[in-house]
């Protein structure tokens, strides 16, 4: 049977049963787990933390765990938790200092924007580097009120995970994204039987306009084509 917890046992509350040297192991564990967790969050990118930087997001998680365990578990000594919280705050303050003093550190810690759309054409390599598929990118564009990729001059996926969209002053022919392709699939056109003018078709993978008689997309190598349209007045 477990020994009963004695209320206000100051030795248990401050140090527990561990020797004082165990504080150095806590320091080592905190640094290792922090770096490991930061690496994991940095690897998955900023898709889910659009309002927080990576450092701020990790700070919330780390402090929440450290504070929560201290509040609910009697076998977690206060000094241990206070050391963890102190180390986490000091690490974050150090990272903030590096970000302010070094552009290189800022890029490594916070990441950099990705250029995912230019002149109505998707940069599939940039979005895949962030773990995002074409459907996710198109969904984010629709949330910005975009109906056709020909409306967009440039779009950037920021390090925070938010999308910056810059509309073109004069829409060009491009891939329609409303309604979503999952609801209303785009019609496929055989480019060998297409007798329309130049630019009447766009690649279904990256939305590059067909400029001649090519069968494969010059940008991504795709062989599926769909009619390119120009956004109507409601989308401008």
Protein backbone atom coordinates (compact mmCIF):
# COMPACT_ATOMS: atom_id res chain seq x y z
CA UNK A 1 0.00 0.00 0.00
CA UNK A 2 1.35 3.43 -0.91
CA UNK A 3 2.50 5.62 1.94
CA UNK A 4 0.02 8.36 2.80
CA UNK A 5 0.94 11.87 1.73
CA UNK A 6 1.69 14.12 4.70
CA UNK A 7 0.33 17.64 4.09
CA UNK A 8 2.87 20.46 4.22
CA UNK A 9 5.82 18.07 4.28
CA UNK A 10 8.38 20.73 3.38
CA UNK A 11 11.14 18.25 2.54
CA UNK A 12 8.83 16.47 0.02
CA UNK A 13 7.45 19.75 -1.36
CA UNK A 14 10.86 21.32 -2.02
CA UNK A 15 13.21 18.43 -2.80
CA UNK A 16 11.22 15.20 -2.78
CA UNK A 17 13.25 12.05 -2.17
CA UNK A 18 15.99 12.86 -4.67
CA UNK A 19 19.43 14.10 -3.61
CA UNK A 20 20.32 17.75 -4.34
CA UNK A 21 22.62 16.64 -7.19
CA UNK A 22 19.49 15.53 -9.05
CA UNK A 23 18.92 19.22 -9.86
CA UNK A 24 21.80 19.00 -12.34
CA UNK A 25 20.09 16.07 -14.07
CA UNK A 26 16.91 18.14 -14.30
CA UNK A 27 18.93 20.93 -15.88
CA UNK A 28 20.35 18.48 -18.44
CA UNK A 29 16.95 16.91 -19.17
CA UNK A 30 15.34 20.33 -19.64
CA UNK A 31 17.94 21.47 -22.16
CA UNK A 32 17.84 18.18 -24.08
CA UNK A 33 14.02 17.96 -24.21
CA UNK A 34 13.71 21.63 -25.15
CA UNK A 35 16.13 21.31 -28.08
CA UNK A 36 14.54 18.03 -29.20
CA UNK A 37 10.98 19.46 -29.03
CA UNK A 38 12.03 22.65 -30.77
CA UNK A 39 13.60 20.58 -33.54
CA UNK A 40 10.37 18.63 -34.00
CA UNK A 41 8.23 21.76 -34.15
CA UNK A 42 10.71 23.39 -36.53
CA UNK A 43 10.56 20.28 -38.72
CA UNK A 44 6.75 20.26 -38.99
CA UNK A 45 6.76 23.99 -39.78
CA UNK A 46 4.40 26.77 -38.80
CA UNK A 47 1.13 25.54 -40.27
CA UNK A 48 -0.70 25.30 -36.95
CA UNK A 49 0.69 28.30 -35.10
CA UNK A 50 -0.35 31.17 -37.35
CA UNK A 51 -0.53 33.72 -34.51
CA UNK A 52 2.58 32.65 -32.56
CA UNK A 53 6.23 32.37 -33.46
CA UNK A 54 7.88 28.98 -33.03
CA UNK A 55 9.68 30.18 -29.92
CA UNK A 56 6.49 31.55 -28.36
CA UNK A 57 4.55 28.39 -29.23
CA UNK A 58 7.15 26.15 -27.63
CA UNK A 59 7.29 28.43 -24.59
CA UNK A 60 3.53 28.01 -24.06
CA UNK A 61 3.79 24.21 -24.31
CA UNK A 62 6.84 23.91 -22.06
CA UNK A 63 5.58 26.24 -19.37
CA UNK A 64 2.12 24.66 -19.45
CA UNK A 65 3.57 21.22 -18.82
CA UNK A 66 5.98 22.38 -16.12
CA UNK A 67 3.38 24.39 -14.25
CA UNK A 68 0.63 21.80 -14.68
CA UNK A 69 2.67 18.91 -13.29
CA UNK A 70 3.61 21.00 -10.28
CA UNK A 71 -0.01 21.78 -9.51
CA UNK A 72 -1.45 18.27 -9.81
CA UNK A 73 1.22 15.80 -8.74
CA UNK A 74 2.40 15.79 -5.11
CA UNK A 75 5.57 13.90 -6.03
CA UNK A 76 6.83 16.78 -8.20
CA UNK A 77 8.99 18.99 -5.94
CA UNK A 78 8.51 22.73 -6.29
CA UNK A 79 12.22 23.50 -6.64
CA UNK A 80 12.52 21.07 -9.53
CA UNK A 81 9.61 22.64 -11.37
CA UNK A 82 10.92 26.14 -10.62
CA UNK A 83 14.27 25.17 -12.08
CA UNK A 84 12.61 23.83 -15.23
CA UNK A 85 10.54 27.00 -15.65
CA UNK A 86 13.59 29.20 -15.06
CA UNK A 87 15.70 27.31 -17.61
CA UNK A 88 12.89 27.47 -20.21
CA UNK A 89 12.50 31.22 -19.76
CA UNK A 90 16.27 31.80 -19.92
CA UNK A 91 16.55 29.71 -23.11
CA UNK A 92 13.75 31.70 -24.73
CA UNK A 93 15.31 34.98 -23.65
CA UNK A 94 18.57 33.80 -25.18
CA UNK A 95 16.83 32.89 -28.44
CA UNK A 96 15.11 36.29 -28.51
CA UNK A 97 18.51 37.93 -28.08
CA UNK A 98 19.96 35.90 -30.97
CA UNK A 99 17.00 36.75 -33.20
CA UNK A 100 17.45 40.46 -32.53
CA UNK A 101 21.21 40.41 -33.09
CA UNK A 102 21.60 37.99 -36.01
CA UNK A 103 19.65 37.62 -39.27
CA UNK A 104 21.09 34.13 -39.67
CA UNK A 105 19.82 33.10 -36.25
CA UNK A 106 16.44 34.61 -37.07
CA UNK A 107 16.15 32.47 -40.23
CA UNK A 108 17.27 29.30 -38.42
CA UNK A 109 14.95 29.78 -35.43
CA UNK A 110 11.85 31.39 -36.96
CA UNK A 111 12.26 30.11 -40.53
CA UNK A 112 11.68 32.12 -43.70
CA UNK A 113 8.75 32.76 -46.05
CA UNK A 114 8.14 30.45 -48.99
CA UNK A 115 7.17 31.80 -52.41
CA UNK A 116 4.31 29.45 -53.25
CA UNK A 117 2.57 31.25 -56.13
CA UNK A 118 3.84 33.63 -58.81
CA UNK A 119 1.85 35.08 -61.70
CA UNK A 120 -0.91 32.51 -61.29
CA UNK A 121 1.50 29.54 -61.16
CA UNK A 122 1.93 27.31 -58.12
CA UNK A 123 5.42 26.57 -56.84
CA UNK A 124 4.73 23.01 -55.72
CA UNK A 125 8.28 22.45 -54.48
CA UNK A 126 8.05 25.35 -52.02
CA UNK A 127 4.72 24.23 -50.58
CA UNK A 128 5.81 20.59 -50.31
CA UNK A 129 8.89 21.71 -48.36
CA UNK A 130 6.47 23.01 -45.71
CA UNK A 131 4.47 19.77 -45.74
CA UNK A 132 1.52 21.34 -47.57
CA UNK A 133 -0.30 19.83 -50.51
CA UNK A 134 -1.89 21.71 -53.39
CA UNK A 135 -5.38 21.31 -51.89
CA UNK A 136 -4.28 23.04 -48.67
CA UNK A 137 -2.74 25.94 -50.57
CA UNK A 138 -5.87 26.40 -52.67
CA UNK A 139 -8.03 26.31 -49.54
CA UNK A 140 -5.95 29.09 -47.97
CA UNK A 141 -6.29 31.16 -51.15
CA UNK A 142 -10.07 30.73 -51.11
CA UNK A 143 -10.12 31.99 -47.53
CA UNK A 144 -8.49 35.16 -48.90
CA UNK A 145 -11.31 35.55 -51.43
CA UNK A 146 -9.39 34.22 -54.46
CA UNK A 147 -11.58 32.53 -57.09
CA UNK A 148 -9.00 32.04 -59.85
CA UNK A 149 -5.20 31.75 -59.66
CA UNK A 150 -4.97 34.29 -62.48
CA UNK A 151 -5.97 36.94 -59.91
CA UNK A 152 -2.78 36.45 -57.91
CA UNK A 153 0.52 38.08 -58.73
CA UNK A 154 2.40 36.67 -55.73
CA UNK A 155 1.57 34.64 -52.64
CA UNK A 156 3.92 33.88 -49.76
CA UNK A 157 3.57 31.33 -46.98
CA UNK A 158 5.04 33.21 -44.04
CA UNK A 159 7.21 31.60 -41.38
CA UNK A 160 4.27 31.92 -38.95
CA UNK A 161 2.07 29.79 -41.22
CA UNK A 162 -0.14 32.63 -42.46
CA UNK A 163 -0.59 33.39 -46.15
CA UNK A 164 0.23 36.77 -47.73
CA UNK A 165 -1.59 37.31 -51.03
CA UNK A 166 -0.90 40.10 -53.53
CA UNK A 167 -3.48 40.44 -56.29
CA UNK A 168 -2.53 41.44 -59.80
CA UNK A 169 -3.88 44.75 -61.12
CA UNK A 170 -5.25 42.98 -64.20
CA UNK A 171 -6.32 39.33 -63.86
CA UNK A 172 -5.01 36.90 -66.45
CA UNK A 173 -6.28 33.50 -67.55
CA UNK A 174 -5.65 30.91 -64.89
CA UNK A 175 -6.92 27.89 -63.00
CA UNK A 176 -10.33 28.38 -61.33
CA UNK A 177 -10.42 27.22 -57.71
CA UNK A 178 -14.08 27.98 -56.95
CA UNK A 179 -15.92 25.73 -56.41
CA UNK A 180 -13.27 23.52 -54.76
CA UNK A 181 -11.95 20.78 -57.03
CA UNK A 182 -12.98 18.18 -54.44
CA UNK A 183 -16.61 19.21 -55.02
CA UNK A 184 -16.49 20.00 -58.72
CA UNK A 185 -13.49 18.37 -60.44
CA UNK A 186 -11.86 20.33 -63.25
CA UNK A 187 -12.52 19.04 -66.77
CA UNK A 188 -9.53 17.38 -68.40
CA UNK A 189 -8.67 18.33 -71.96
CA UNK A 190 -6.53 16.34 -74.38
CA UNK A 191 -3.88 18.86 -75.53
CA UNK A 192 -3.41 17.01 -78.83
CA UNK A 193 -7.02 17.72 -79.79
CA UNK A 194 -7.10 21.30 -78.54
CA UNK A 195 -7.26 23.80 -81.39
CA UNK A 196 -7.65 26.93 -79.28
CA UNK A 197 -5.17 29.77 -79.09
CA UNK A 198 -2.05 30.01 -77.00
CA UNK A 199 -2.64 30.07 -73.28
CA UNK A 200 -6.09 28.50 -73.45
CA UNK A 201 -5.04 25.58 -71.26
CA UNK A 202 -3.31 25.38 -67.89
CA UNK A 203 -1.57 22.53 -66.10
CA UNK A 204 -3.80 20.86 -63.53
CA UNK A 205 -0.83 20.28 -61.21
CA UNK A 206 0.85 23.71 -61.07
CA UNK A 207 -1.54 25.93 -63.12
CA UNK A 208 1.17 26.98 -65.61
CA UNK A 209 -0.38 28.31 -68.81
CA UNK A 210 0.27 26.31 -71.97
CA UNK A 211 2.08 28.58 -74.40
CA UNK A 212 2.43 26.33 -77.44
CA UNK A 213 1.82 22.76 -78.52
CA UNK A 214 3.65 21.07 -75.63
CA UNK A 215 2.14 17.88 -74.23
CA UNK A 216 3.92 17.97 -70.86
CA UNK A 217 4.06 20.95 -68.53
CA UNK A 218 7.37 22.77 -68.81
CA UNK A 219 7.32 23.55 -65.10
CA UNK A 220 6.31 20.34 -63.33
CA UNK A 221 6.13 17.74 -66.09
CA UNK A 222 2.41 17.13 -65.60
CA UNK A 223 0.37 15.92 -68.57
CA UNK A 224 -3.14 16.82 -67.36
CA UNK A 225 -4.58 20.05 -68.75
CA UNK A 226 -7.75 22.01 -68.10
CA UNK A 227 -9.25 25.13 -69.72
CA UNK A 228 -7.87 28.37 -68.28
CA UNK A 229 -10.45 31.02 -67.44
CA UNK A 230 -10.37 34.66 -66.41
CA UNK A 231 -11.95 35.65 -63.09
CA UNK A 232 -15.25 37.48 -63.39
CA UNK A 233 -15.93 40.92 -61.95
CA UNK A 234 -17.13 39.56 -58.59
CA UNK A 235 -13.63 38.35 -57.72
CA UNK A 236 -11.82 41.57 -58.53
